[in-house]
PDB file of all heavy atoms in Angstrom:
ATOM      1  N   TYR A   1     102.368  47.892  29.180  1.00  0.00           N
ATOM      2  CA  TYR A   1     103.077  49.160  29.012  1.00  0.00           C
ATOM      3  C   TYR A   1     102.229  50.300  29.562  1.00  0.00           C
ATOM      4  O   TYR A   1     100.991  50.202  29.621  1.00  0.00           O
ATOM      5  CB  TYR A   1     103.367  49.434  27.531  1.00  0.00           C
ATOM      6  CG  TYR A   1     104.277  48.420  26.880  1.00  0.00           C
ATOM      7  CD1 TYR A   1     103.768  47.243  26.337  1.00  0.00           C
ATOM      8  CD2 TYR A   1     105.655  48.641  26.807  1.00  0.00           C
ATOM      9  CE1 TYR A   1     104.604  46.304  25.739  1.00  0.00           C
ATOM     10  CE2 TYR A   1     106.500  47.712  26.206  1.00  0.00           C
ATOM     11  CZ  TYR A   1     105.968  46.542  25.676  1.00  0.00           C
ATOM     12  OH  TYR A   1     106.795  45.618  25.092  1.00  0.00           O
ATOM     13  N   ILE A   2     102.907  51.379  29.959  1.00  0.00           N
ATOM     14  CA  ILE A   2     102.183  52.595  30.321  1.00  0.00           C
ATOM     15  C   ILE A   2     102.715  53.756  29.487  1.00  0.00           C
ATOM     16  O   ILE A   2     103.865  53.755  29.039  1.00  0.00           O
ATOM     17  CB  ILE A   2     102.299  52.920  31.825  1.00  0.00           C
ATOM     18  CG1 ILE A   2     103.778  53.137  32.231  1.00  0.00           C
ATOM     19  CG2 ILE A   2     101.676  51.831  32.680  1.00  0.00           C
ATOM     20  CD1 ILE A   2     104.100  54.509  32.690  1.00  0.00           C
ATOM     21  N   LYS A   3     101.832  54.724  29.281  1.00  0.00           N
ATOM     22  CA  LYS A   3     102.230  55.974  28.623  1.00  0.00           C
ATOM     23  C   LYS A   3     101.671  57.106  29.457  1.00  0.00           C
ATOM     24  O   LYS A   3     100.446  57.288  29.530  1.00  0.00           O
ATOM     25  CB  LYS A   3     101.685  56.044  27.197  1.00  0.00           C
ATOM     26  CG  LYS A   3     101.972  57.390  26.512  1.00  0.00           C
ATOM     27  CD  LYS A   3     101.527  57.412  25.075  1.00  0.00           C
ATOM     28  CE  LYS A   3     101.692  58.801  24.459  1.00  0.00           C
ATOM     29  NZ  LYS A   3     103.047  59.350  24.580  1.00  0.00           N
ATOM     30  N   GLN A   4     102.552  57.837  30.135  1.00  0.00           N
ATOM     31  CA  GLN A   4     102.103  58.940  30.970  1.00  0.00           C
ATOM     32  C   GLN A   4     102.182  60.247  30.204  1.00  0.00           C
ATOM     33  O   GLN A   4     103.191  60.530  29.536  1.00  0.00           O
ATOM     34  CB  GLN A   4     102.929  59.037  32.251  1.00  0.00           C
ATOM     35  CG  GLN A   4     102.442  60.153  33.184  1.00  0.00           C
ATOM     36  CD  GLN A   4     103.028  60.061  34.575  1.00  0.00           C
ATOM     37  OE1 GLN A   4     103.775  59.139  34.886  1.00  0.00           O
ATOM     38  NE2 GLN A   4     102.684  61.012  35.438  1.00  0.00           N
ATOM     39  N   GLU A   5     101.115  61.033  30.293  1.00  0.00           N
ATOM     40  CA  GLU A   5     101.106  62.338  29.647  1.00  0.00           C
ATOM     41  C   GLU A   5     102.101  63.261  30.343  1.00  0.00           C
ATOM     42  O   GLU A   5     102.315  63.177  31.541  1.00  0.00           O
ATOM     43  CB  GLU A   5      99.703  62.952  29.707  1.00  0.00           C
ATOM     44  CG  GLU A   5      98.689  62.255  28.823  1.00  0.00           C
ATOM     45  CD  GLU A   5      97.345  62.963  28.841  1.00  0.00           C
ATOM     46  OE1 GLU A   5      97.251  64.067  29.425  1.00  0.00           O
ATOM     47  OE2 GLU A   5      96.375  62.407  28.284  1.00  0.00           O
ATOM     48  N   GLY A   6     102.693  64.150  29.557  1.00  0.00           N
ATOM     49  CA  GLY A   6     103.604  65.111  30.158  1.00  0.00           C
ATOM     50  C   GLY A   6     104.785  65.400  29.261  1.00  0.00           C
ATOM     51  O   GLY A   6     105.035  64.719  28.267  1.00  0.00           O
ATOM     52  N   VAL A   7     105.557  66.415  29.621  1.00  0.00           N
ATOM     53  CA  VAL A   7     106.719  66.832  28.852  1.00  0.00           C
ATOM     54  C   VAL A   7     107.882  65.872  29.111  1.00  0.00           C
ATOM     55  O   VAL A   7     108.118  65.454  30.242  1.00  0.00           O
ATOM     56  CB  VAL A   7     107.123  68.271  29.240  1.00  0.00           C
ATOM     57  CG1 VAL A   7     108.349  68.713  28.446  1.00  0.00           C
ATOM     58  CG2 VAL A   7     105.956  69.229  29.004  1.00  0.00           C
ATOM     59  N   ASN A   8     108.584  65.512  28.053  1.00  0.00           N
ATOM     60  CA  ASN A   8     109.778  64.664  28.141  1.00  0.00           C
ATOM     61  C   ASN A   8     109.505  63.243  28.628  1.00  0.00           C
ATOM     62  O   ASN A   8     110.430  62.548  29.061  1.00  0.00           O
ATOM     63  CB  ASN A   8     110.847  65.307  29.048  1.00  0.00           C
ATOM     64  CG  ASN A   8     111.379  66.610  28.496  1.00  0.00           C
ATOM     65  OD1 ASN A   8     111.605  66.731  27.291  1.00  0.00           O
ATOM     66  ND2 ASN A   8     111.560  67.593  29.353  1.00  0.00           N
ATOM     67  N   MET A   9     108.255  62.815  28.573  1.00  0.00           N
ATOM     68  CA  MET A   9     107.942  61.447  28.966  1.00  0.00           C
ATOM     69  C   MET A   9     108.294  60.469  27.841  1.00  0.00           C
ATOM     70  O   MET A   9     108.198  60.810  26.658  1.00  0.00           O
ATOM     71  CB  MET A   9     106.453  61.320  29.304  1.00  0.00           C
ATOM     72  CG  MET A   9     106.024  62.057  30.561  1.00  0.00           C
ATOM     73  SD  MET A   9     106.751  61.318  32.033  1.00  0.00           S
ATOM     74  CE  MET A   9     105.982  62.338  33.313  1.00  0.00           C
ATOM     75  N   PRO A  10     108.687  59.245  28.178  1.00  0.00           N
ATOM     76  CA  PRO A  10     108.910  58.238  27.134  1.00  0.00           C
ATOM     77  C   PRO A  10     107.637  57.971  26.346  1.00  0.00           C
ATOM     78  O   PRO A  10     106.523  58.193  26.844  1.00  0.00           O
ATOM     79  CB  PRO A  10     109.319  57.000  27.926  1.00  0.00           C
ATOM     80  CG  PRO A  10     109.775  57.506  29.257  1.00  0.00           C
ATOM     81  CD  PRO A  10     108.969  58.734  29.521  1.00  0.00           C
ATOM     82  N   ILE A  11     107.787  57.482  25.114  1.00  0.00           N
ATOM     83  CA  ILE A  11     106.627  57.132  24.281  1.00  0.00           C
ATOM     84  C   ILE A  11     105.795  56.069  24.974  1.00  0.00           C
ATOM     85  O   ILE A  11     104.567  56.135  25.001  1.00  0.00           O
ATOM     86  CB  ILE A  11     107.098  56.642  22.900  1.00  0.00           C
ATOM     87  CG1 ILE A  11     107.810  57.768  22.161  1.00  0.00           C
ATOM     88  CG2 ILE A  11     105.936  56.095  22.083  1.00  0.00           C
ATOM     89  CD1 ILE A  11     108.555  57.310  20.920  1.00  0.00           C
ATOM     90  N   LYS A  12     106.446  55.094  25.545  1.00  0.00           N
ATOM     91  CA  LYS A  12     105.796  54.067  26.369  1.00  0.00           C
ATOM     92  C   LYS A  12     106.877  53.377  27.184  1.00  0.00           C
ATOM     93  O   LYS A  12     108.062  53.474  26.877  1.00  0.00           O
ATOM     94  CB  LYS A  12     105.000  53.072  25.530  1.00  0.00           C
ATOM     95  CG  LYS A  12     105.801  52.285  24.540  1.00  0.00           C
ATOM     96  CD  LYS A  12     104.907  51.435  23.643  1.00  0.00           C
ATOM     97  CE  LYS A  12     104.078  52.281  22.704  1.00  0.00           C
ATOM     98  NZ  LYS A  12     103.451  51.522  21.619  1.00  0.00           N
ATOM     99  N   GLU A  13     106.448  52.662  28.232  1.00  0.00           N
ATOM    100  CA  GLU A  13     107.399  51.994  29.124  1.00  0.00           C
ATOM    101  C   GLU A  13     106.832  50.653  29.576  1.00  0.00           C
ATOM    102  O   GLU A  13     105.681  50.570  30.013  1.00  0.00           O
ATOM    103  CB  GLU A  13     107.646  52.845  30.372  1.00  0.00           C
ATOM    104  CG  GLU A  13     108.141  54.242  30.125  1.00  0.00           C
ATOM    105  CD  GLU A  13     108.095  55.077  31.403  1.00  0.00           C
ATOM    106  OE1 GLU A  13     108.989  54.897  32.250  1.00  0.00           O
ATOM    107  OE2 GLU A  13     107.156  55.875  31.560  1.00  0.00           O
ATOM    108  N   LEU A  14     107.645  49.625  29.485  1.00  0.00           N
ATOM    109  CA  LEU A  14     107.264  48.310  29.991  1.00  0.00           C
ATOM    110  C   LEU A  14     107.183  48.356  31.513  1.00  0.00           C
ATOM    111  O   LEU A  14     108.106  48.820  32.176  1.00  0.00           O
ATOM    112  CB  LEU A  14     108.292  47.268  29.558  1.00  0.00           C
ATOM    113  CG  LEU A  14     108.006  45.815  29.950  1.00  0.00           C
ATOM    114  CD1 LEU A  14     106.821  45.261  29.164  1.00  0.00           C
ATOM    115  CD2 LEU A  14     109.244  44.943  29.728  1.00  0.00           C
ATOM    116  N   LYS A  15     106.067  47.849  32.071  1.00  0.00           N
ATOM    117  CA  LYS A  15     105.894  47.819  33.518  1.00  0.00           C
ATOM    118  C   LYS A  15     105.399  46.464  34.026  1.00  0.00           C
ATOM    119  O   LYS A  15     105.097  46.324  35.217  1.00  0.00           O
ATOM    120  CB  LYS A  15     104.909  48.916  33.956  1.00  0.00           C
ATOM    121  CG  LYS A  15     105.455  50.326  33.817  1.00  0.00           C
ATOM    122  CD  LYS A  15     106.656  50.567  34.715  1.00  0.00           C
ATOM    123  CE  LYS A  15     107.259  51.948  34.522  1.00  0.00           C
ATOM    124  NZ  LYS A  15     108.491  52.133  35.311  1.00  0.00           N
ATOM    125  N   GLY A  16     105.313  45.489  33.135  1.00  0.00           N
ATOM    126  CA  GLY A  16     104.904  44.156  33.564  1.00  0.00           C
ATOM    127  C   GLY A  16     104.960  43.193  32.392  1.00  0.00           C
ATOM    128  O   GLY A  16     104.770  43.593  31.234  1.00  0.00           O
ATOM    129  N   PHE A  17     105.226  41.912  32.671  1.00  0.00           N
ATOM    130  CA  PHE A  17     105.196  40.886  31.620  1.00  0.00           C
ATOM    131  C   PHE A  17     104.983  39.529  32.266  1.00  0.00           C
ATOM    132  O   PHE A  17     105.401  39.288  33.399  1.00  0.00           O
ATOM    133  CB  PHE A  17     106.488  40.892  30.782  1.00  0.00           C
ATOM    134  CG  PHE A  17     107.749  40.675  31.573  1.00  0.00           C
ATOM    135  CD1 PHE A  17     108.254  39.392  31.779  1.00  0.00           C
ATOM    136  CD2 PHE A  17     108.447  41.749  32.106  1.00  0.00           C
ATOM    137  CE1 PHE A  17     109.415  39.188  32.505  1.00  0.00           C
ATOM    138  CE2 PHE A  17     109.613  41.561  32.833  1.00  0.00           C
ATOM    139  CZ  PHE A  17     110.096  40.275  33.038  1.00  0.00           C
ATOM    140  N   LYS A  18     104.310  38.659  31.555  1.00  0.00           N
ATOM    141  CA  LYS A  18     104.090  37.286  32.011  1.00  0.00           C
ATOM    142  C   LYS A  18     104.173  36.353  30.813  1.00  0.00           C
ATOM    143  O   LYS A  18     103.535  36.598  29.794  1.00  0.00           O
ATOM    144  CB  LYS A  18     102.703  37.131  32.664  1.00  0.00           C
ATOM    145  CG  LYS A  18     102.535  37.811  34.020  1.00  0.00           C
ATOM    146  CD  LYS A  18     101.107  37.635  34.527  1.00  0.00           C
ATOM    147  CE  LYS A  18     100.836  38.476  35.771  1.00  0.00           C
ATOM    148  NZ  LYS A  18     101.229  37.807  37.001  1.00  0.00           N
ATOM    149  N   ARG A  19     104.935  35.293  30.965  1.00  0.00           N
ATOM    150  CA  ARG A  19     104.992  34.257  29.927  1.00  0.00           C
ATOM    151  C   ARG A  19     104.038  33.138  30.366  1.00  0.00           C
ATOM    152  O   ARG A  19     104.255  32.504  31.397  1.00  0.00           O
ATOM    153  CB  ARG A  19     106.421  33.738  29.752  1.00  0.00           C
ATOM    154  CG  ARG A  19     106.533  32.733  28.604  1.00  0.00           C
ATOM    155  CD  ARG A  19     107.971  32.444  28.233  1.00  0.00           C
ATOM    156  NE  ARG A  19     108.042  31.475  27.152  1.00  0.00           N
ATOM    157  CZ  ARG A  19     108.872  31.543  26.126  1.00  0.00           C
ATOM    158  NH1 ARG A  19     109.710  32.558  26.018  1.00  0.00           N
ATOM    159  NH2 ARG A  19     108.874  30.613  25.190  1.00  0.00           N
ATOM    160  N   ILE A  20     102.998  32.915  29.563  1.00  0.00           N
ATOM    161  CA  ILE A  20     101.913  32.000  29.931  1.00  0.00           C
ATOM    162  C   ILE A  20     101.828  30.872  28.914  1.00  0.00           C
ATOM    163  O   ILE A  20     101.842  31.112  27.702  1.00  0.00           O
ATOM    164  CB  ILE A  20     100.556  32.749  29.963  1.00  0.00           C
ATOM    165  CG1 ILE A  20     100.642  33.973  30.871  1.00  0.00           C
ATOM    166  CG2 ILE A  20      99.430  31.823  30.392  1.00  0.00           C
ATOM    167  CD1 ILE A  20     100.878  33.670  32.321  1.00  0.00           C
ATOM    168  N   HIS A  21     101.703  29.626  29.398  1.00  0.00           N
ATOM    169  CA  HIS A  21     101.499  28.485  28.500  1.00  0.00           C
ATOM    170  C   HIS A  21     100.019  28.114  28.478  1.00  0.00           C
ATOM    171  O   HIS A  21      99.398  27.921  29.523  1.00  0.00           O
ATOM    172  CB  HIS A  21     102.318  27.273  28.954  1.00  0.00           C
ATOM    173  CG  HIS A  21     102.172  26.101  28.023  1.00  0.00           C
ATOM    174  ND1 HIS A  21     102.850  26.026  26.820  1.00  0.00           N
ATOM    175  CD2 HIS A  21     101.395  24.976  28.096  1.00  0.00           C
ATOM    176  CE1 HIS A  21     102.519  24.900  26.198  1.00  0.00           C
ATOM    177  NE2 HIS A  21     101.637  24.250  26.951  1.00  0.00           N
ATOM    178  N   LEU A  22      99.456  28.045  27.274  1.00  0.00           N
ATOM    179  CA  LEU A  22      98.050  27.652  27.109  1.00  0.00           C
ATOM    180  C   LEU A  22      97.939  26.557  26.057  1.00  0.00           C
ATOM    181  O   LEU A  22      98.514  26.655  24.970  1.00  0.00           O
ATOM    182  CB  LEU A  22      97.201  28.849  26.668  1.00  0.00           C
ATOM    183  CG  LEU A  22      97.022  30.015  27.651  1.00  0.00           C
ATOM    184  CD1 LEU A  22      96.192  31.112  27.011  1.00  0.00           C
ATOM    185  CD2 LEU A  22      96.390  29.558  28.954  1.00  0.00           C
ATOM    186  N   LYS A  23      97.196  25.525  26.380  1.00  0.00           N
ATOM    187  CA  LYS A  23      96.877  24.505  25.380  1.00  0.00           C
ATOM    188  C   LYS A  23      95.871  25.097  24.391  1.00  0.00           C
ATOM    189  O   LYS A  23      95.178  26.077  24.710  1.00  0.00           O
ATOM    190  CB  LYS A  23      96.303  23.266  26.054  1.00  0.00           C
ATOM    191  CG  LYS A  23      97.270  22.568  26.991  1.00  0.00           C
ATOM    192  CD  LYS A  23      96.661  21.293  27.547  1.00  0.00           C
ATOM    193  CE  LYS A  23      97.621  20.604  28.519  1.00  0.00           C
ATOM    194  NZ  LYS A  23      98.878  20.235  27.885  1.00  0.00           N
ATOM    195  N   LYS A  24      95.799  24.541  23.199  1.00  0.00           N
ATOM    196  CA  LYS A  24      94.854  25.089  22.220  1.00  0.00           C
ATOM    197  C   LYS A  24      93.439  25.020  22.790  1.00  0.00           C
ATOM    198  O   LYS A  24      93.023  24.012  23.363  1.00  0.00           O
ATOM    199  CB  LYS A  24      94.957  24.365  20.883  1.00  0.00           C
ATOM    200  CG  LYS A  24      94.664  22.882  20.906  1.00  0.00           C
ATOM    201  CD  LYS A  24      94.812  22.312  19.496  1.00  0.00           C
ATOM    202  CE  LYS A  24      94.508  20.815  19.485  1.00  0.00           C
ATOM    203  NZ  LYS A  24      94.636  20.236  18.136  1.00  0.00           N
ATOM    204  N   GLY A  25      92.739  26.145  22.677  1.00  0.00           N
ATOM    205  CA  GLY A  25      91.393  26.245  23.224  1.00  0.00           C
ATOM    206  C   GLY A  25      91.331  26.668  24.675  1.00  0.00           C
ATOM    207  O   GLY A  25      90.269  27.017  25.176  1.00  0.00           O
ATOM    208  N   GLU A  26      92.472  26.670  25.370  1.00  0.00           N
ATOM    209  CA  GLU A  26      92.476  26.997  26.800  1.00  0.00           C
ATOM    210  C   GLU A  26      92.404  28.504  27.013  1.00  0.00           C
ATOM    211  O   GLU A  26      92.939  29.292  26.239  1.00  0.00           O
ATOM    212  CB  GLU A  26      93.740  26.441  27.463  1.00  0.00           C
ATOM    213  CG  GLU A  26      93.778  26.643  28.972  1.00  0.00           C
ATOM    214  CD  GLU A  26      95.050  26.114  29.621  1.00  0.00           C
ATOM    215  OE1 GLU A  26      95.902  25.538  28.897  1.00  0.00           O
ATOM    216  OE2 GLU A  26      95.208  26.292  30.844  1.00  0.00           O
ATOM    217  N   GLN A  27      91.721  28.892  28.101  1.00  0.00           N
ATOM    218  CA  GLN A  27      91.579  30.300  28.474  1.00  0.00           C
ATOM    219  C   GLN A  27      92.039  30.476  29.910  1.00  0.00           C
ATOM    220  O   GLN A  27      91.837  29.601  30.750  1.00  0.00           O
ATOM    221  CB  GLN A  27      90.123  30.740  28.328  1.00  0.00           C
ATOM    222  CG  GLN A  27      89.899  32.221  28.596  1.00  0.00           C
ATOM    223  CD  GLN A  27      88.525  32.678  28.123  1.00  0.00           C
ATOM    224  OE1 GLN A  27      88.010  32.171  27.130  1.00  0.00           O
ATOM    225  NE2 GLN A  27      87.938  33.624  28.816  1.00  0.00           N
ATOM    226  N   GLN A  28      92.660  31.614  30.192  1.00  0.00           N
ATOM    227  CA  GLN A  28      93.153  31.865  31.549  1.00  0.00           C
ATOM    228  C   GLN A  28      92.989  33.340  31.887  1.00  0.00           C
ATOM    229  O   GLN A  28      93.147  34.212  31.032  1.00  0.00           O
ATOM    230  CB  GLN A  28      94.629  31.464  31.647  1.00  0.00           C
ATOM    231  CG  GLN A  28      95.183  31.458  33.059  1.00  0.00           C
ATOM    232  CD  GLN A  28      96.588  30.871  33.108  1.00  0.00           C
ATOM    233  OE1 GLN A  28      96.927  29.970  32.347  1.00  0.00           O
ATOM    234  NE2 GLN A  28      97.422  31.371  33.989  1.00  0.00           N
ATOM    235  N   ASN A  29      92.660  33.617  33.149  1.00  0.00           N
ATOM    236  CA  ASN A  29      92.579  34.985  33.632  1.00  0.00           C
ATOM    237  C   ASN A  29      93.919  35.379  34.241  1.00  0.00           C
ATOM    238  O   ASN A  29      94.524  34.607  34.989  1.00  0.00           O
ATOM    239  CB  ASN A  29      91.470  35.127  34.678  1.00  0.00           C
ATOM    240  CG  ASN A  29      90.096  34.900  34.078  1.00  0.00           C
ATOM    241  OD1 ASN A  29      89.831  35.316  32.955  1.00  0.00           O
ATOM    242  ND2 ASN A  29      89.224  34.229  34.814  1.00  0.00           N
ATOM    243  N   LEU A  30      94.379  36.569  33.908  1.00  0.00           N
ATOM    244  CA  LEU A  30      95.671  37.061  34.390  1.00  0.00           C
ATOM    245  C   LEU A  30      95.483  38.323  35.212  1.00  0.00           C
ATOM    246  O   LEU A  30      94.561  39.113  34.958  1.00  0.00           O
ATOM    247  CB  LEU A  30      96.606  37.377  33.221  1.00  0.00           C
ATOM    248  CG  LEU A  30      96.840  36.286  32.182  1.00  0.00           C
ATOM    249  CD1 LEU A  30      97.778  36.799  31.106  1.00  0.00           C
ATOM    250  CD2 LEU A  30      97.412  35.047  32.830  1.00  0.00           C
ATOM    251  N   THR A  31      96.388  38.525  36.176  1.00  0.00           N
ATOM    252  CA  THR A  31      96.345  39.717  37.013  1.00  0.00           C
ATOM    253  C   THR A  31      97.714  40.372  37.073  1.00  0.00           C
ATOM    254  O   THR A  31      98.730  39.692  37.275  1.00  0.00           O
ATOM    255  CB  THR A  31      95.894  39.371  38.449  1.00  0.00           C
ATOM    256  OG1 THR A  31      94.605  38.763  38.410  1.00  0.00           O
ATOM    257  CG2 THR A  31      95.813  40.622  39.318  1.00  0.00           C
ATOM    258  N   PHE A  32      97.742  41.667  36.873  1.00  0.00           N
ATOM    259  CA  PHE A  32      98.937  42.478  37.109  1.00  0.00           C
ATOM    260  C   PHE A  32      98.625  43.459  38.234  1.00  0.00           C
ATOM    261  O   PHE A  32      97.456  43.738  38.529  1.00  0.00           O
ATOM    262  CB  PHE A  32      99.317  43.283  35.862  1.00  0.00           C
ATOM    263  CG  PHE A  32      99.850  42.450  34.723  1.00  0.00           C
ATOM    264  CD1 PHE A  32      98.999  41.935  33.754  1.00  0.00           C
ATOM    265  CD2 PHE A  32     101.207  42.197  34.609  1.00  0.00           C
ATOM    266  CE1 PHE A  32      99.476  41.183  32.699  1.00  0.00           C
ATOM    267  CE2 PHE A  32     101.708  41.446  33.553  1.00  0.00           C
ATOM    268  CZ  PHE A  32     100.840  40.930  32.596  1.00  0.00           C
TER     269      PHE A  32
END
């Protein structure tokens, strides 16, 4: 999400999402 300062701006806005599958204990690096 992003929140831009300014008058009449939304509280926050979705700008990216990823559904990731991880096995227990697994770690992954993500990039947006």
